[in-house]
């Protein structure tokens, strides 16, 4: 009798756990809206606010004065010419003037 109660409890637990009761599945219907034709175009929106003007930049500082240019060097002295030759046998012929026609 000592083991019969324990044996009966274990046998009942196994018997009840072996039976699987199917769960009831209820189908759910999901309604999906179908898009219709496009509506009319809406009114144009208002213009945005004009942004503020930026501040004026600072005036730049004047540039430095340029350096003075270098002085040019003196030119080289030309070669000395040959001494002139004395007269020779050169004859100069001047033609007579022709009368006007």
PDB file of N, CA and C in Angstrom:
ATOM      1  N   UNK A   1       0.820  -1.170   0.000  1.00  0.00           N
ATOM      2  CA  UNK A   1       0.000   0.000   0.000  1.00  0.00           C
ATOM      3  C   UNK A   1       0.873   1.246   0.000  1.00  0.00           C
ATOM      4  N   UNK A   2       1.996   1.082   0.602  1.00  0.00           N
ATOM      5  CA  UNK A   2       2.912   2.202   0.683  1.00  0.00           C
ATOM      6  C   UNK A   2       3.326   2.656  -0.731  1.00  0.00           C
ATOM      7  N   UNK A   3       3.599   1.748  -1.584  1.00  0.00           N
ATOM      8  CA  UNK A   3       4.041   2.095  -2.936  1.00  0.00           C
ATOM      9  C   UNK A   3       2.887   2.275  -3.914  1.00  0.00           C
ATOM     10  N   UNK A   4       1.727   1.782  -3.587  1.00  0.00           N
ATOM     11  CA  UNK A   4       0.616   1.851  -4.529  1.00  0.00           C
ATOM     12  C   UNK A   4       0.122   3.282  -4.731  1.00  0.00           C
ATOM     13  N   UNK A   5       0.151   4.141  -3.693  1.00  0.00           N
ATOM     14  CA  UNK A   5      -0.292   5.531  -3.842  1.00  0.00           C
ATOM     15  C   UNK A   5       0.714   6.310  -4.689  1.00  0.00           C
ATOM     16  N   UNK A   6       1.981   6.083  -4.424  1.00  0.00           N
ATOM     17  CA  UNK A   6       3.028   6.774  -5.211  1.00  0.00           C
ATOM     18  C   UNK A   6       2.985   6.295  -6.653  1.00  0.00           C
ATOM     19  N   UNK A   7       2.814   4.968  -6.824  1.00  0.00           N
ATOM     20  CA  UNK A   7       2.759   4.414  -8.175  1.00  0.00           C
ATOM     21  C   UNK A   7       1.552   4.954  -8.919  1.00  0.00           C
ATOM     22  N   UNK A   8       0.407   5.082  -8.280  1.00  0.00           N
ATOM     23  CA  UNK A   8      -0.801   5.608  -8.918  1.00  0.00           C
ATOM     24  C   UNK A   8      -0.626   7.084  -9.302  1.00  0.00           C
ATOM     25  N   UNK A   9       0.035   7.861  -8.458  1.00  0.00           N
ATOM     26  CA  UNK A   9       0.242   9.281  -8.744  1.00  0.00           C
ATOM     27  C   UNK A   9       1.171   9.470  -9.939  1.00  0.00           C
ATOM     28  N   UNK A  10       2.232   8.667  -9.982  1.00  0.00           N
ATOM     29  CA  UNK A  10       3.169   8.757 -11.117  1.00  0.00           C
ATOM     30  C   UNK A  10       2.482   8.310 -12.390  1.00  0.00           C
ATOM     31  N   UNK A  11       1.675   7.225 -12.325  1.00  0.00           N
ATOM     32  CA  UNK A  11       0.973   6.724 -13.502  1.00  0.00           C
ATOM     33  C   UNK A  11      -0.047   7.742 -13.999  1.00  0.00           C
ATOM     34  N   UNK A  12      -0.727   8.431 -13.096  1.00  0.00           N
ATOM     35  CA  UNK A  12      -1.706   9.448 -13.491  1.00  0.00           C
ATOM     36  C   UNK A  12      -1.007  10.655 -14.127  1.00  0.00           C
ATOM     37  N   UNK A  13       0.138  11.026 -13.577  1.00  0.00           N
ATOM     38  CA  UNK A  13       0.880  12.156 -14.149  1.00  0.00           C
ATOM     39  C   UNK A  13       1.369  11.839 -15.558  1.00  0.00           C
ATOM     40  N   UNK A  14       1.869  10.632 -15.745  1.00  0.00           N
ATOM     41  CA  UNK A  14       2.331  10.244 -17.086  1.00  0.00           C
ATOM     42  C   UNK A  14       1.180  10.138 -18.066  1.00  0.00           C
ATOM     43  N   UNK A  15       0.057   9.627 -17.624  1.00  0.00           N
ATOM     44  CA  UNK A  15      -1.088   9.462 -18.508  1.00  0.00           C
ATOM     45  C   UNK A  15      -1.653  10.814 -18.926  1.00  0.00           C
ATOM     46  N   UNK A  16      -1.720  11.743 -17.997  1.00  0.00           N
ATOM     47  CA  UNK A  16      -2.280  13.051 -18.335  1.00  0.00           C
ATOM     48  C   UNK A  16      -1.304  13.886 -19.169  1.00  0.00           C
ATOM     49  N   UNK A  17      -0.011  13.715 -18.965  1.00  0.00           N
ATOM     50  CA  UNK A  17       0.948  14.498 -19.752  1.00  0.00           C
ATOM     51  C   UNK A  17       1.129  13.938 -21.145  1.00  0.00           C
ATOM     52  N   UNK A  18       0.787  12.671 -21.336  1.00  0.00           N
ATOM     53  CA  UNK A  18       0.939  12.072 -22.654  1.00  0.00           C
ATOM     54  C   UNK A  18      -0.163  12.508 -23.592  1.00  0.00           C
ATOM     55  N   UNK A  19      -1.275  12.932 -23.087  1.00  0.00           N
ATOM     56  CA  UNK A  19      -2.380  13.374 -23.924  1.00  0.00           C
ATOM     57  C   UNK A  19      -2.150  14.831 -24.307  1.00  0.00           C
ATOM     58  N   UNK A  20      -2.109  15.082 -25.567  1.00  0.00           N
ATOM     59  CA  UNK A  20      -1.915  16.459 -26.030  1.00  0.00           C
ATOM     60  C   UNK A  20      -3.234  16.981 -26.541  1.00  0.00           C
ATOM     61  N   UNK A  21      -3.673  18.027 -25.964  1.00  0.00           N
ATOM     62  CA  UNK A  21      -4.928  18.626 -26.370  1.00  0.00           C
ATOM     63  C   UNK A  21      -4.604  19.691 -27.411  1.00  0.00           C
ATOM     64  N   UNK A  22      -5.182  19.602 -28.605  1.00  0.00           N
ATOM     65  CA  UNK A  22      -4.861  20.605 -29.632  1.00  0.00           C
ATOM     66  C   UNK A  22      -5.411  21.976 -29.228  1.00  0.00           C
ATOM     67  N   UNK A  23      -4.588  22.976 -29.483  1.00  0.00           N
ATOM     68  CA  UNK A  23      -5.004  24.339 -29.175  1.00  0.00           C
ATOM     69  C   UNK A  23      -5.965  24.833 -30.242  1.00  0.00           C
ATOM     70  N   UNK A  24      -6.916  25.619 -29.851  1.00  0.00           N
ATOM     71  CA  UNK A  24      -7.905  26.156 -30.776  1.00  0.00           C
ATOM     72  C   UNK A  24      -7.289  27.372 -31.456  1.00  0.00           C
ATOM     73  N   UNK A  25      -7.218  27.326 -32.785  1.00  0.00           N
ATOM     74  CA  UNK A  25      -6.651  28.427 -33.558  1.00  0.00           C
ATOM     75  C   UNK A  25      -7.793  29.184 -34.200  1.00  0.00           C
ATOM     76  N   UNK A  26      -7.867  30.445 -33.859  1.00  0.00           N
ATOM     77  CA  UNK A  26      -8.923  31.277 -34.414  1.00  0.00           C
ATOM     78  C   UNK A  26      -8.314  32.131 -35.528  1.00  0.00           C
ATOM     79  N   UNK A  27      -8.791  31.989 -36.747  1.00  0.00           N
ATOM     80  CA  UNK A  27      -8.220  32.818 -37.825  1.00  0.00           C
ATOM     81  C   UNK A  27      -8.621  34.285 -37.629  1.00  0.00           C
ATOM     82  N   UNK A  28      -7.638  35.143 -37.812  1.00  0.00           N
ATOM     83  CA  UNK A  28      -7.922  36.570 -37.696  1.00  0.00           C
ATOM     84  C   UNK A  28      -7.926  37.182 -39.084  1.00  0.00           C
ATOM     85  N   UNK A  29      -8.860  38.040 -39.326  1.00  0.00           N
ATOM     86  CA  UNK A  29      -8.992  38.697 -40.618  1.00  0.00           C
ATOM     87  C   UNK A  29      -8.408  40.100 -40.480  1.00  0.00           C
ATOM     88  N   UNK A  30      -7.442  40.386 -41.333  1.00  0.00           N
ATOM     89  CA  UNK A  30      -6.812  41.708 -41.323  1.00  0.00           C
ATOM     90  C   UNK A  30      -7.303  42.469 -42.539  1.00  0.00           C
ATOM     91  N   UNK A  31      -7.899  43.607 -42.303  1.00  0.00           N
ATOM     92  CA  UNK A  31      -8.410  44.419 -43.399  1.00  0.00           C
ATOM     93  C   UNK A  31      -7.305  45.388 -43.828  1.00  0.00           C
ATOM     94  N   UNK A  32      -6.904  45.292 -45.085  1.00  0.00           N
ATOM     95  CA  UNK A  32      -5.867  46.158 -45.624  1.00  0.00           C
ATOM     96  C   UNK A  32      -6.534  47.217 -46.495  1.00  0.00           C
ATOM     97  N   UNK A  33      -6.343  48.488 -46.156  1.00  0.00           N
ATOM     98  CA  UNK A  33      -6.979  49.518 -46.981  1.00  0.00           C
ATOM     99  C   UNK A  33      -6.294  49.622 -48.349  1.00  0.00           C
ATOM    100  N   UNK A  34      -7.081  49.789 -49.379  1.00  0.00           N
ATOM    101  CA  UNK A  34      -6.567  49.933 -50.738  1.00  0.00           C
ATOM    102  C   UNK A  34      -6.516  51.421 -51.046  1.00  0.00           C
ATOM    103  N   UNK A  35      -5.383  51.921 -51.509  1.00  0.00           N
ATOM    104  CA  UNK A  35      -5.300  53.358 -51.785  1.00  0.00           C
ATOM    105  C   UNK A  35      -6.202  53.745 -52.960  1.00  0.00           C
ATOM    106  N   UNK A  36      -6.806  54.880 -52.832  1.00  0.00           N
ATOM    107  CA  UNK A  36      -7.695  55.383 -53.872  1.00  0.00           C
ATOM    108  C   UNK A  36      -6.946  56.348 -54.788  1.00  0.00           C
ATOM    109  N   UNK A  37      -7.663  57.038 -55.651  1.00  0.00           N
ATOM    110  CA  UNK A  37      -7.003  57.983 -56.555  1.00  0.00           C
ATOM    111  C   UNK A  37      -6.446  59.187 -55.770  1.00  0.00           C
ATOM    112  N   UNK A  38      -5.442  59.839 -56.330  1.00  0.00           N
ATOM    113  CA  UNK A  38      -4.822  60.985 -55.671  1.00  0.00           C
ATOM    114  C   UNK A  38      -5.781  62.163 -55.641  1.00  0.00           C
ATOM    115  N   UNK A  39      -5.716  62.929 -54.568  1.00  0.00           N
ATOM    116  CA  UNK A  39      -6.577  64.096 -54.421  1.00  0.00           C
ATOM    117  C   UNK A  39      -5.988  65.298 -55.140  1.00  0.00           C
ATOM    118  N   UNK A  40      -6.665  66.434 -55.102  1.00  0.00           N
ATOM    119  CA  UNK A  40      -6.164  67.636 -55.767  1.00  0.00           C
ATOM    120  C   UNK A  40      -4.914  68.167 -55.055  1.00  0.00           C
ATOM    121  N   UNK A  41      -4.129  68.917 -55.798  1.00  0.00           N
ATOM    122  CA  UNK A  41      -2.910  69.501 -55.248  1.00  0.00           C
ATOM    123  C   UNK A  41      -3.263  70.582 -54.245  1.00  0.00           C
ATOM    124  N   UNK A  42      -2.512  70.622 -53.147  1.00  0.00           N
ATOM    125  CA  UNK A  42      -2.770  71.613 -52.113  1.00  0.00           C
ATOM    126  C   UNK A  42      -2.255  72.986 -52.521  1.00  0.00           C
ATOM    127  N   UNK A  43      -2.602  73.999 -51.744  1.00  0.00           N
ATOM    128  CA  UNK A  43      -2.183  75.377 -52.017  1.00  0.00           C
ATOM    129  C   UNK A  43      -0.690  75.524 -51.756  1.00  0.00           C
ATOM    130  N   UNK A  44      -0.080  76.511 -52.436  1.00  0.00           N
ATOM    131  CA  UNK A  44       1.344  76.777 -52.253  1.00  0.00           C
ATOM    132  C   UNK A  44       1.572  77.369 -50.874  1.00  0.00           C
ATOM    133  N   UNK A  45       2.632  76.959 -50.224  1.00  0.00           N
ATOM    134  CA  UNK A  45       2.939  77.455 -48.888  1.00  0.00           C
ATOM    135  C   UNK A  45       3.490  78.870 -48.940  1.00  0.00           C
ATOM    136  N   UNK A  46       3.503  79.532 -47.788  1.00  0.00           N
ATOM    137  CA  UNK A  46       4.014  80.905 -47.693  1.00  0.00           C
ATOM    138  C   UNK A  46       5.529  80.907 -47.816  1.00  0.00           C
ATOM    139  N   UNK A  47       6.079  82.032 -48.298  1.00  0.00           N
ATOM    140  CA  UNK A  47       7.522  82.156 -48.443  1.00  0.00           C
ATOM    141  C   UNK A  47       8.170  82.242 -47.073  1.00  0.00           C
ATOM    142  N   UNK A  48       9.388  81.760 -46.978  1.00  0.00           N
ATOM    143  CA  UNK A  48      10.111  81.798 -45.719  1.00  0.00           C
ATOM    144  C   UNK A  48      10.652  83.194 -45.440  1.00  0.00           C
ATOM    145  N   UNK A  49      11.065  83.400 -44.216  1.00  0.00           N
ATOM    146  CA  UNK A  49      11.615  84.694 -43.800  1.00  0.00           C
ATOM    147  C   UNK A  49      13.021  84.841 -44.371  1.00  0.00           C
ATOM    148  N   UNK A  50      13.354  86.061 -44.843  1.00  0.00           N
ATOM    149  CA  UNK A  50      14.688  86.317 -45.373  1.00  0.00           C
ATOM    150  C   UNK A  50      15.679  86.360 -44.228  1.00  0.00           C
ATOM    151  N   UNK A  51      16.826  85.742 -44.410  1.00  0.00           N
ATOM    152  CA  UNK A  51      17.841  85.708 -43.363  1.00  0.00           C
ATOM    153  C   UNK A  51      18.517  87.061 -43.204  1.00  0.00           C
ATOM    154  N   UNK A  52      19.185  87.260 -42.093  1.00  0.00           N
ATOM    155  CA  UNK A  52      19.858  88.533 -41.831  1.00  0.00           C
ATOM    156  C   UNK A  52      21.134  88.640 -42.660  1.00  0.00           C
ATOM    157  N   UNK A  53      21.505  89.881 -42.973  1.00  0.00           N
ATOM    158  CA  UNK A  53      22.716  90.128 -43.748  1.00  0.00           C
ATOM    159  C   UNK A  53      23.913  89.997 -42.824  1.00  0.00           C
ATOM    160  N   UNK A  54      24.947  89.414 -43.295  1.00  0.00           N
ATOM    161  CA  UNK A  54      26.136  89.239 -42.469  1.00  0.00           C
ATOM    162  C   UNK A  54      26.855  90.566 -42.240  1.00  0.00           C
ATOM    163  N   UNK A  55      27.683  90.620 -41.223  1.00  0.00           N
ATOM    164  CA  UNK A  55      28.401  91.853 -40.917  1.00  0.00           C
ATOM    165  C   UNK A  55      29.521  92.084 -41.927  1.00  0.00           C
ATOM    166  N   UNK A  56      29.863  93.368 -42.117  1.00  0.00           N
ATOM    167  CA  UNK A  56      30.897  93.732 -43.076  1.00  0.00           C
ATOM    168  C   UNK A  56      32.265  93.387 -42.503  1.00  0.00           C
ATOM    169  N   UNK A  57      33.136  92.906 -43.336  1.00  0.00           N
ATOM    170  CA  UNK A  57      34.474  92.538 -42.875  1.00  0.00           C
ATOM    171  C   UNK A  57      35.339  93.766 -42.627  1.00  0.00           C
ATOM    172  N   UNK A  58      36.413  93.598 -41.896  1.00  0.00           N
ATOM    173  CA  UNK A  58      37.319  94.693 -41.581  1.00  0.00           C
ATOM    174  C   UNK A  58      38.162  95.056 -42.803  1.00  0.00           C
ATOM    175  N   UNK A  59      38.576  96.330 -42.865  1.00  0.00           N
ATOM    176  CA  UNK A  59      39.423  96.777 -43.959  1.00  0.00           C
ATOM    177  C   UNK A  59      40.824  96.243 -43.739  1.00  0.00           C
ATOM    178  N   UNK A  60      41.454  95.817 -44.794  1.00  0.00           N
ATOM    179  CA  UNK A  60      42.804  95.265 -44.676  1.00  0.00           C
ATOM    180  C   UNK A  60      43.835  96.364 -44.453  1.00  0.00           C
ATOM    181  N   UNK A  61      44.951  96.017 -43.879  1.00  0.00           N
ATOM    182  CA  UNK A  61      46.011  96.993 -43.637  1.00  0.00           C
ATOM    183  C   UNK A  61      46.794  97.225 -44.928  1.00  0.00           C
ATOM    184  N   UNK A  62      47.379  98.459 -45.107  1.00  0.00           N
ATOM    185  CA  UNK A  62      48.119  98.723 -46.341  1.00  0.00           C
ATOM    186  C   UNK A  62      49.390  97.881 -46.386  1.00  0.00           C
ATOM    187  N   UNK A  63      49.837  97.618 -47.572  1.00  0.00           N
ATOM    188  CA  UNK A  63      51.031  96.794 -47.740  1.00  0.00           C
ATOM    189  C   UNK A  63      52.303  97.580 -47.438  1.00  0.00           C
ATOM    190  N   UNK A  64      53.401  96.888 -47.251  1.00  0.00           N
ATOM    191  CA  UNK A  64      54.691  97.518 -46.992  1.00  0.00           C
ATOM    192  C   UNK A  64      55.220  98.175 -48.260  1.00  0.00           C
ATOM    193  N   UNK A  65      56.074  99.210 -48.082  1.00  0.00           N
ATOM    194  CA  UNK A  65      56.681  99.921 -49.205  1.00  0.00           C
ATOM    195  C   UNK A  65      57.738  99.019 -49.822  1.00  0.00           C
ATOM    196  N   UNK A  66      57.817  99.044 -51.120  1.00  0.00           N
ATOM    197  CA  UNK A  66      58.797  98.200 -51.806  1.00  0.00           C
ATOM    198  C   UNK A  66      60.219  98.701 -51.606  1.00  0.00           C
ATOM    199  N   UNK A  67      61.188  97.849 -51.766  1.00  0.00           N
ATOM    200  CA  UNK A  67      62.599  98.204 -51.600  1.00  0.00           C
ATOM    201  C   UNK A  67      63.075  99.008 -52.811  1.00  0.00           C
ATOM    202  N   UNK A  68      64.058  99.889 -52.587  1.00  0.00           N
ATOM    203  CA  UNK A  68      64.615 100.694 -53.663  1.00  0.00           C
ATOM    204  C   UNK A  68      65.483  99.800 -54.548  1.00  0.00           C
ATOM    205  N   UNK A  69      65.369 100.028 -55.844  1.00  0.00           N
ATOM    206  CA  UNK A  69      66.141  99.209 -56.776  1.00  0.00           C
ATOM    207  C   UNK A  69      67.634  99.537 -56.712  1.00  0.00           C
ATOM    208  N   UNK A  70      68.460  98.620 -57.133  1.00  0.00           N
ATOM    209  CA  UNK A  70      69.914  98.822 -57.121  1.00  0.00           C
ATOM    210  C   UNK A  70      70.304  99.774 -58.249  1.00  0.00           C
ATOM    211  N   UNK A  71      71.374 100.565 -58.038  1.00  0.00           N
ATOM    212  CA  UNK A  71      71.868 101.496 -59.058  1.00  0.00           C
ATOM    213  C   UNK A  71      72.641 100.693 -60.089  1.00  0.00           C
ATOM    214  N   UNK A  72      72.431 101.040 -61.351  1.00  0.00           N
ATOM    215  CA  UNK A  72      73.144 100.321 -62.404  1.00  0.00           C
ATOM    216  C   UNK A  72      74.625 100.692 -62.423  1.00  0.00           C
ATOM    217  N   UNK A  73      75.457  99.779 -62.775  1.00  0.00           N
ATOM    218  CA  UNK A  73      76.905 100.019 -62.841  1.00  0.00           C
ATOM    219  C   UNK A  73      77.254 100.848 -64.073  1.00  0.00           C
ATOM    220  N   UNK A  74      78.410 101.504 -64.077  1.00  0.00           N
ATOM    221  CA  UNK A  74      78.851 102.305 -65.222  1.00  0.00           C
ATOM    222  C   UNK A  74      79.172 101.374 -66.388  1.00  0.00           C
ATOM    223  N   UNK A  75      78.877 101.837 -67.594  1.00  0.00           N
ATOM    224  CA  UNK A  75      79.164 101.029 -68.769  1.00  0.00           C
ATOM    225  C   UNK A  75      80.667 100.928 -69.030  1.00  0.00           C
ATOM    226  N   UNK A  76      81.039  99.948 -69.742  1.00  0.00           N
ATOM    227  CA  UNK A  76      82.458  99.762 -70.058  1.00  0.00           C
ATOM    228  C   UNK A  76      82.900 100.802 -71.086  1.00  0.00           C
ATOM    229  N   UNK A  77      84.144 101.195 -71.027  1.00  0.00           N
ATOM    230  CA  UNK A  77      84.686 102.182 -71.959  1.00  0.00           C
ATOM    231  C   UNK A  77      84.954 101.499 -73.295  1.00  0.00           C
ATOM    232  N   UNK A  78      84.551 102.188 -74.383  1.00  0.00           N
ATOM    233  CA  UNK A  78      84.745 101.610 -75.703  1.00  0.00           C
ATOM    234  C   UNK A  78      86.220 101.598 -76.112  1.00  0.00           C
ATOM    235  N   UNK A  79      86.527 100.831 -77.116  1.00  0.00           N
ATOM    236  CA  UNK A  79      87.903 100.735 -77.601  1.00  0.00           C
ATOM    237  C   UNK A  79      88.306 102.036 -78.294  1.00  0.00           C
ATOM    238  N   UNK A  80      89.536 102.383 -78.213  1.00  0.00           N
ATOM    239  CA  UNK A  80      90.047 103.601 -78.845  1.00  0.00           C
ATOM    240  C   UNK A  80      90.167 103.367 -80.345  1.00  0.00           C
ATOM    241  N   UNK A  81      89.706 104.368 -81.131  1.00  0.00           N
ATOM    242  CA  UNK A  81      89.768 104.227 -82.582  1.00  0.00           C
ATOM    243  C   UNK A  81      91.195 104.389 -83.117  1.00  0.00           C
ATOM    244  N   UNK A  82      91.394 103.961 -84.360  1.00  0.00           N
ATOM    245  CA  UNK A  82      92.702 104.090 -84.992  1.00  0.00           C
ATOM    246  C   UNK A  82      92.932 105.544 -85.371  1.00  0.00           C
ATOM    247  N   UNK A  83      94.145 105.960 -85.379  1.00  0.00           N
ATOM    248  CA  UNK A  83      94.411 107.337 -85.798  1.00  0.00           C
ATOM    249  C   UNK A  83      94.069 107.517 -87.281  1.00  0.00           C
ATOM    250  N   UNK A  84      93.591 108.713 -87.663  1.00  0.00           N
ATOM    251  CA  UNK A  84      93.210 108.981 -89.042  1.00  0.00           C
ATOM    252  C   UNK A  84      94.397 108.921 -89.991  1.00  0.00           C
ATOM    253  N   UNK A  85      94.137 108.585 -91.264  1.00  0.00           N
ATOM    254  CA  UNK A  85      95.202 108.490 -92.272  1.00  0.00           C
ATOM    255  C   UNK A  85      95.278 109.803 -93.015  1.00  0.00           C
ATOM    256  N   UNK A  86      96.415 110.122 -93.402  1.00  0.00           N
ATOM    257  CA  UNK A  86      96.603 111.356 -94.157  1.00  0.00           C
ATOM    258  C   UNK A  86      96.146 111.162 -95.583  1.00  0.00           C
ATOM    259  N   UNK A  87      95.892 112.244 -96.311  1.00  0.00           N
ATOM    260  CA  UNK A  87      95.353 112.215 -97.648  1.00  0.00           C
ATOM    261  C   UNK A  87      96.178 111.368 -98.611  1.00  0.00           C
ATOM    262  N   UNK A  88      95.506 110.924 -99.695  1.00  0.00           N
ATOM    263  CA  UNK A  88      96.192 110.094-100.668  1.00  0.00           C
ATOM    264  C   UNK A  88      95.885 110.609-102.059  1.00  0.00           C
ATOM    265  N   UNK A  89      95.686 109.743-102.997  1.00  0.00           N
ATOM    266  CA  UNK A  89      95.451 110.108-104.389  1.00  0.00           C
ATOM    267  C   UNK A  89      93.971 110.104-104.726  1.00  0.00           C
ATOM    268  N   UNK A  90      93.100 110.534-103.856  1.00  0.00           N
ATOM    269  CA  UNK A  90      91.675 110.509-104.106  1.00  0.00           C
ATOM    270  C   UNK A  90      91.290 111.748-104.882  1.00  0.00           C
ATOM    271  N   UNK A  91      90.516 111.546-106.006  1.00  0.00           N
ATOM    272  CA  UNK A  91      90.074 112.657-106.839  1.00  0.00           C
ATOM    273  C   UNK A  91      88.554 112.706-106.762  1.00  0.00           C
ATOM    274  N   UNK A  92      87.999 113.873-106.507  1.00  0.00           N
ATOM    275  CA  UNK A  92      86.555 114.033-106.434  1.00  0.00           C
ATOM    276  C   UNK A  92      86.132 114.773-107.683  1.00  0.00           C
ATOM    277  N   UNK A  93      85.214 114.218-108.504  1.00  0.00           N
ATOM    278  CA  UNK A  93      84.731 114.827-109.728  1.00  0.00           C
ATOM    279  C   UNK A  93      83.311 115.293-109.487  1.00  0.00           C
ATOM    280  N   UNK A  94      83.026 116.579-109.738  1.00  0.00           N
ATOM    281  CA  UNK A  94      81.692 117.127-109.575  1.00  0.00           C
ATOM    282  C   UNK A  94      81.148 117.352-110.976  1.00  0.00           C
ATOM    283  N   UNK A  95      80.061 116.749-111.381  1.00  0.00           N
ATOM    284  CA  UNK A  95      79.527 116.941-112.734  1.00  0.00           C
ATOM    285  C   UNK A  95      78.908 118.334-112.875  1.00  0.00           C
ATOM    286  N   UNK A  96      78.952 118.901-114.092  1.00  0.00           N
ATOM    287  CA  UNK A  96      78.375 120.235-114.295  1.00  0.00           C
ATOM    288  C   UNK A  96      76.863 120.191-114.174  1.00  0.00           C
ATOM    289  N   UNK A  97      76.244 121.235-113.770  1.00  0.00           N
ATOM    290  CA  UNK A  97      74.796 121.320-113.634  1.00  0.00           C
ATOM    291  C   UNK A  97      74.155 121.329-115.001  1.00  0.00           C
ATOM    292  N   UNK A  98      73.085 120.652-115.204  1.00  0.00           N
ATOM    293  CA  UNK A  98      72.409 120.570-116.491  1.00  0.00           C
ATOM    294  C   UNK A  98      71.326 121.638-116.521  1.00  0.00           C
ATOM    295  N   UNK A  99      71.167 122.267-117.722  1.00  0.00           N
ATOM    296  CA  UNK A  99      70.150 123.310-117.845  1.00  0.00           C
ATOM    297  C   UNK A  99      68.736 122.717-117.697  1.00  0.00           C
ATOM    298  N   UNK A 100      67.814 123.453-117.200  1.00  0.00           N
ATOM    299  CA  UNK A 100      66.425 123.000-117.014  1.00  0.00           C
ATOM    300  C   UNK A 100      65.743 122.870-118.355  1.00  0.00           C
ATOM    301  N   UNK A 101      65.005 122.027-118.619  1.00  0.00           N
ATOM    302  CA  UNK A 101      64.337 121.807-119.895  1.00  0.00           C
ATOM    303  C   UNK A 101      62.942 122.239-119.856  1.00  0.00           C
TER     304      UNK A 101
END
